Protein backbone atom coordinates (compact mmCIF):
# COMPACT_ATOMS: atom_id res chain seq x y z
CA UNK A 1 -139.46 -129.86 50.60
CA UNK A 2 -137.00 -128.12 52.33
CA UNK A 3 -134.60 -126.13 50.26
CA UNK A 4 -130.84 -125.83 52.07
CA UNK A 5 -128.18 -124.18 50.87
CA UNK A 6 -125.24 -127.05 51.60
CA UNK A 7 -123.87 -126.80 48.07
CA UNK A 8 -123.01 -122.55 48.29
CA UNK A 9 -121.41 -123.68 51.73
CA UNK A 10 -118.86 -126.61 50.32
CA UNK A 11 -118.71 -124.07 47.56
CA UNK A 12 -117.42 -121.31 49.95
CA UNK A 13 -114.76 -124.01 51.67
CA UNK A 14 -116.83 -124.24 54.72
CA UNK A 15 -116.30 -127.40 56.36
CA UNK A 16 -119.98 -128.69 56.81
CA UNK A 17 -120.78 -132.23 57.06
CA UNK A 18 -123.64 -134.43 57.36
CA UNK A 19 -124.96 -136.64 60.58
CA UNK A 20 -127.18 -139.15 61.84
CA UNK A 21 -127.69 -137.51 65.25
CA UNK A 22 -128.90 -140.50 67.17
CA UNK A 23 -129.82 -143.32 64.26
CA UNK A 24 -131.62 -145.85 67.00
CA UNK A 25 -134.08 -142.55 67.83
CA UNK A 26 -134.23 -140.98 64.41
CA UNK A 27 -134.09 -144.67 62.23
CA UNK A 28 -131.51 -143.10 59.76
CA UNK A 29 -127.76 -143.62 58.65
CA UNK A 30 -125.38 -142.06 57.12
CA UNK A 31 -126.27 -143.18 53.59
CA UNK A 32 -130.12 -142.00 54.25
CA UNK A 33 -129.02 -138.80 55.31
CA UNK A 34 -126.53 -137.92 52.82
CA UNK A 35 -129.42 -138.65 49.84
CA UNK A 36 -131.90 -136.79 51.91
CA UNK A 37 -129.18 -133.66 52.10
CA UNK A 38 -128.69 -134.42 47.94
CA UNK A 39 -132.69 -134.03 47.43
CA UNK A 40 -132.72 -130.51 49.61
CA UNK A 41 -130.14 -128.95 47.69
CA UNK A 42 -130.84 -127.31 44.45
CA UNK A 43 -129.27 -128.72 41.49
CA UNK A 44 -128.35 -131.64 44.04
CA UNK A 45 -124.80 -132.74 45.17
CA UNK A 46 -122.03 -134.31 42.87
CA UNK A 47 -120.06 -137.34 43.75
CA UNK A 48 -117.21 -135.04 44.76
CA UNK A 49 -119.34 -132.64 46.95
CA UNK A 50 -120.73 -136.12 48.97
CA UNK A 51 -116.84 -137.34 48.95
CA UNK A 52 -116.29 -133.97 50.82
CA UNK A 53 -119.24 -134.04 53.20
CA UNK A 54 -117.96 -137.91 54.35
CA UNK A 55 -114.27 -136.79 54.54
CA UNK A 56 -115.53 -133.85 56.78
CA UNK A 57 -117.10 -136.24 59.05
CA UNK A 58 -114.42 -138.30 59.78
CA UNK A 59 -112.22 -135.31 60.56
CA UNK A 60 -114.51 -133.94 62.74
CA UNK A 61 -114.56 -137.34 64.34
CA UNK A 62 -114.83 -137.22 68.36
CA UNK A 63 -111.78 -140.03 67.80
CA UNK A 64 -108.39 -139.61 68.94
CA UNK A 65 -105.84 -138.33 66.02
CA UNK A 66 -104.36 -141.34 65.27
CA UNK A 67 -107.65 -143.59 65.20
CA UNK A 68 -109.12 -140.82 63.02
CA UNK A 69 -106.11 -140.31 60.76
CA UNK A 70 -106.31 -144.60 60.46
CA UNK A 71 -109.89 -144.12 59.49
CA UNK A 72 -110.01 -141.31 56.71
CA UNK A 73 -107.10 -143.13 55.06
CA UNK A 74 -108.21 -146.53 54.87
CA UNK A 75 -111.40 -144.39 53.68
CA UNK A 76 -109.59 -142.31 51.24
CA UNK A 77 -107.90 -145.72 50.00
CA UNK A 78 -111.21 -147.49 49.51
CA UNK A 79 -112.59 -144.08 47.77
CA UNK A 80 -109.86 -144.13 45.31
CA UNK A 81 -110.25 -147.99 44.35
CA UNK A 82 -114.05 -147.52 43.51
CA UNK A 83 -113.12 -144.32 41.08
CA UNK A 84 -110.27 -146.81 39.80
CA UNK A 85 -112.64 -149.27 38.93
CA UNK A 86 -115.01 -147.69 37.75
CA UNK A 87 -112.46 -145.70 35.68
CA UNK A 88 -111.29 -149.30 34.01
CA UNK A 89 -115.28 -150.17 33.46
CA UNK A 90 -115.56 -147.14 31.66
CA UNK A 91 -112.89 -147.40 29.59
CA UNK A 92 -113.11 -151.26 28.35
């Protein structure tokens, strides 16, 4: 398996992201590509690493500023809701 220094890039503060390029041709999706990236990264990727990759993807979008900001805020709210639900389950 190919090894990719993705975690090193994230740890150095580089704004990296994972893309699907052309899902119709490559027959992939964002989830598959994130799992693939995690498998290619020595030690894998943490939940926060993956969230950083997703956030970087929103920030690098070709969408206009207002739409990009709206989508990013919506995604961040959804992530926080999920994390809060998981915390509630773990604290029961």
